[in-house]
Protein backbone atom coordinates (compact mmCIF):
# COMPACT_ATOMS: atom_id res chain seq x y z
CA MET A 1 0.00 0.00 0.00
CA SER A 2 1.57 3.29 -1.03
CA GLU A 3 1.24 6.24 1.28
CA GLN A 4 0.10 9.58 -0.04
CA PRO A 5 0.87 12.86 1.69
CA ASN A 6 -2.04 14.87 3.02
CA GLU A 7 -2.33 18.57 3.82
CA SER A 8 -0.48 18.23 7.13
CA ASN A 9 2.38 16.29 5.47
CA GLU A 10 1.56 13.22 7.53
CA PRO A 11 1.50 10.00 5.53
CA ALA A 12 -1.94 8.61 4.84
CA GLY A 13 -2.45 5.12 6.07
CA PRO A 14 -4.62 2.75 8.08
CA ALA A 15 -4.65 5.10 11.10
CA ASP A 16 -6.58 7.59 8.99
CA GLY A 17 -9.73 5.49 9.24
CA PRO A 18 -11.99 4.18 6.51
CA ARG A 19 -12.19 6.01 3.23
CA ALA A 20 -15.46 7.64 2.24
CA ARG A 21 -17.44 5.75 -0.36
CA PRO A 22 -16.68 6.76 -3.95
CA TYR A 23 -19.16 8.76 -5.97
CA SER A 24 -21.75 7.08 -8.09
CA PRO A 25 -22.33 8.80 -11.44
CA GLU A 26 -25.73 9.96 -10.16
CA VAL A 27 -24.22 11.55 -7.05
CA ALA A 28 -21.46 13.19 -9.09
CA GLU A 29 -24.11 14.63 -11.42
CA PHE A 30 -26.12 15.97 -8.46
CA VAL A 31 -23.00 17.54 -6.89
CA GLU A 32 -22.12 19.37 -10.10
CA ARG A 33 -25.71 20.48 -10.75
CA PHE A 34 -26.28 21.76 -7.20
CA ALA A 35 -22.84 23.42 -7.22
CA ALA A 36 -23.77 25.18 -10.46
CA GLU A 37 -27.00 26.41 -8.84
CA LEU A 38 -25.09 27.71 -5.80
CA THR A 39 -22.54 29.41 -8.07
CA GLU A 40 -25.34 31.01 -10.06
CA ALA A 41 -26.73 32.33 -6.76
CA GLY A 42 -23.37 33.97 -5.96
CA MET A 43 -21.28 31.43 -4.06
CA GLN A 44 -17.69 30.84 -5.15
CA ARG A 45 -17.42 27.94 -7.61
CA MET A 46 -15.01 25.72 -5.65
CA ALA A 47 -16.85 26.43 -2.39
CA SER A 48 -20.07 25.39 -4.12
CA ARG A 49 -18.56 22.11 -5.25
CA VAL A 50 -17.00 21.32 -1.85
CA PHE A 51 -20.25 22.15 -0.03
CA ALA A 52 -22.33 19.99 -2.39
CA CYS A 53 -19.83 17.15 -2.00
CA LEU A 54 -20.00 17.29 1.80
CA LEU A 55 -23.79 17.43 1.65
CA THR A 56 -23.90 14.11 -0.22
CA GLU A 57 -21.62 12.25 2.20
CA ASP A 58 -23.67 10.11 4.63
CA SER A 59 -21.50 11.14 7.58
CA GLY A 60 -21.38 14.77 6.45
CA VAL A 61 -17.62 14.65 7.09
CA LEU A 62 -14.69 14.43 4.67
CA GLY A 63 -11.00 15.29 4.76
CA SER A 64 -9.02 17.33 2.29
CA ALA A 65 -7.65 14.29 0.45
CA GLU A 66 -11.12 12.79 0.05
CA LEU A 67 -12.55 16.07 -1.25
CA SER A 68 -9.60 16.48 -3.64
CA GLU A 69 -10.03 12.96 -4.94
CA ARG A 70 -13.80 13.12 -5.38
CA LEU A 71 -13.86 16.53 -7.00
CA ARG A 72 -10.55 16.12 -8.86
CA ILE A 73 -9.25 19.42 -7.49
CA SER A 74 -6.04 20.40 -5.76
CA PRO A 75 -5.65 20.50 -1.98
CA ALA A 76 -5.09 24.27 -2.34
CA ALA A 77 -8.52 24.59 -3.99
CA VAL A 78 -10.07 22.59 -1.14
CA SER A 79 -8.32 24.81 1.41
CA GLY A 80 -9.61 28.01 -0.19
CA ALA A 81 -13.14 26.62 -0.44
CA ILE A 82 -13.12 25.48 3.19
CA ARG A 83 -11.83 28.87 4.32
CA TYR A 84 -14.81 30.55 2.61
CA LEU A 85 -17.36 27.96 3.79
CA SER A 86 -16.09 28.27 7.37
CA GLN A 87 -16.36 32.05 7.26
CA VAL A 88 -20.01 31.87 6.18
CA HIS A 89 -20.69 29.08 8.73
CA LEU A 90 -21.70 26.42 6.22
CA VAL A 91 -19.03 23.95 7.40
CA THR A 92 -17.05 23.40 10.56
CA ARG A 93 -13.50 22.18 10.97
CA GLU A 94 -12.61 19.43 13.39
CA ARG A 95 -9.44 17.55 14.20
CA GLU A 96 -9.17 13.82 13.84
CA PRO A 97 -8.41 12.34 17.28
CA GLY A 98 -4.68 11.77 17.65
CA SER A 99 -3.85 13.55 14.41
CA ARG A 100 -3.04 16.99 13.09
CA ARG A 101 -5.33 16.36 10.13
CA GLU A 102 -8.55 18.31 9.81
CA ARG A 103 -11.87 17.02 8.64
CA TYR A 104 -14.71 19.20 7.46
CA ARG A 105 -18.32 18.76 8.54
CA VAL A 106 -21.63 19.97 7.18
CA HIS A 107 -24.43 19.69 9.75
CA ALA A 108 -28.04 18.71 9.06
CA ASP A 109 -29.18 22.12 10.33
CA VAL A 110 -26.68 24.03 8.17
CA TRP A 111 -29.33 26.20 6.54
CA HIS A 112 -30.88 27.15 9.87
CA GLU A 113 -27.47 28.19 11.17
CA ALA A 114 -26.67 30.15 8.02
CA ILE A 115 -29.98 32.03 8.23
CA THR A 116 -29.48 32.70 11.94
CA ASP A 117 -26.08 34.22 11.12
CA ARG A 118 -27.79 36.46 8.57
CA ASP A 119 -30.09 37.76 11.32
CA ALA A 120 -27.05 39.10 13.18
CA LEU A 121 -25.78 40.64 9.95
CA LEU A 122 -29.12 42.36 9.37
CA GLY A 123 -28.93 43.80 12.89
CA ARG A 124 -25.50 45.30 12.16
CA TRP A 125 -26.78 46.71 8.87
CA SER A 126 -29.68 48.37 10.67
CA THR A 127 -27.22 50.33 12.81
CA THR A 128 -25.21 51.28 9.73
CA PHE A 129 -28.35 52.39 7.86
CA ASP A 130 -29.29 54.63 10.81
CA GLN A 131 -25.86 56.25 10.60
CA GLY A 132 -26.29 56.69 6.83
CA ILE A 133 -29.67 58.38 7.23
CA LYS A 134 -28.18 60.83 9.74
CA ALA A 135 -25.17 61.45 7.49
CA VAL A 136 -27.14 62.34 4.34
CA GLY A 137 -30.19 63.76 6.10
CA PRO A 138 -33.56 62.04 6.51
CA ASP A 139 -35.39 64.43 4.18
CA THR A 140 -33.04 64.03 1.21
CA PRO A 141 -33.68 61.59 -1.65
CA ALA A 142 -30.67 59.55 -0.48
CA GLY A 143 -31.93 59.62 3.12
CA ARG A 144 -35.37 58.38 2.05
CA ARG A 145 -33.76 55.65 -0.09
CA ILE A 146 -31.57 54.49 2.82
CA ALA A 147 -34.61 54.63 5.15
CA GLU A 148 -36.58 52.46 2.72
CA THR A 149 -33.67 50.01 2.64
CA ALA A 150 -33.51 50.00 6.45
CA GLU A 151 -37.26 49.44 6.69
CA PHE A 152 -37.05 46.52 4.27
CA PHE A 153 -34.27 44.82 6.21
CA ASP A 154 -35.99 45.45 9.55
CA PHE A 155 -39.09 43.79 8.08
CA MET A 156 -36.97 40.89 6.83
CA ARG A 157 -35.38 40.49 10.24
CA ARG A 158 -38.76 40.33 12.03
CA GLU A 159 -40.14 37.88 9.46
CA LEU A 160 -36.99 35.78 9.65
CA ALA A 161 -37.41 35.31 13.40
CA LEU A 162 -41.04 34.23 12.91
CA MET A 163 -40.08 31.91 10.07
CA LEU A 164 -37.37 30.23 12.16
CA ASP A 165 -39.89 29.69 14.96
CA ARG A 166 -42.26 28.05 12.46
CA TRP A 167 -39.38 25.92 11.14
CA HIS A 168 -38.61 24.64 14.66
CA ALA A 169 -42.28 23.70 15.16
CA HIS A 170 -42.43 22.03 11.74
CA ARG A 171 -39.21 20.08 12.28
CA GLU A 172 -40.37 18.88 15.69
CA ALA A 173 -43.72 17.77 14.26
CA VAL A 174 -42.06 15.92 11.37
CA ARG A 175 -39.28 14.31 13.43
CA GLY A 176 -41.33 13.76 16.57
CA GLY A 177 -38.99 15.84 18.71
CA ASP A 178 -35.80 14.22 17.36
CA SER A 179 -33.48 17.08 16.33
CA SER A 180 -30.45 14.86 15.78
CA GLU A 181 -28.73 14.50 12.43
CA PRO A 182 -30.79 12.41 9.99
CA SER A 183 -29.56 8.88 9.46
């Protein structure tokens, strides 16, 4: 068995645990299609592919070498994608026990967490919009435009909170109170 270096320059081997299952053609097609949709919506292309790949893994966890192999991309491309996905809270990094290697996880509630993070962002924007209105004057065309923007995002923030409450109730009804990762 030949050993291949990984991103921490440790040799890969039996201590690294079982390899993730290889892609089926159908899964590969889904990954590329969903990644294209995410890219079209504004996400970076490699980040889209890495996220879609993690989403299709039963465990929700893959290492850099596995992502590189499945997506046929360089470890540097994986690293850049993970950096972005971590910043926007779509994946988390975790260390393999007894190793310096990192693995990357997408959680079942990833969308809930991403939306919750946006709520905090909208709150910060509200403060900034208030400053902008004061800076340009509330009775100017620019002031009215910024006020309209602020009002829209305040509305979105209130609706978002209500929507997340409804999501919790829906998820509990569907899962019968089980909020663990789906099997």
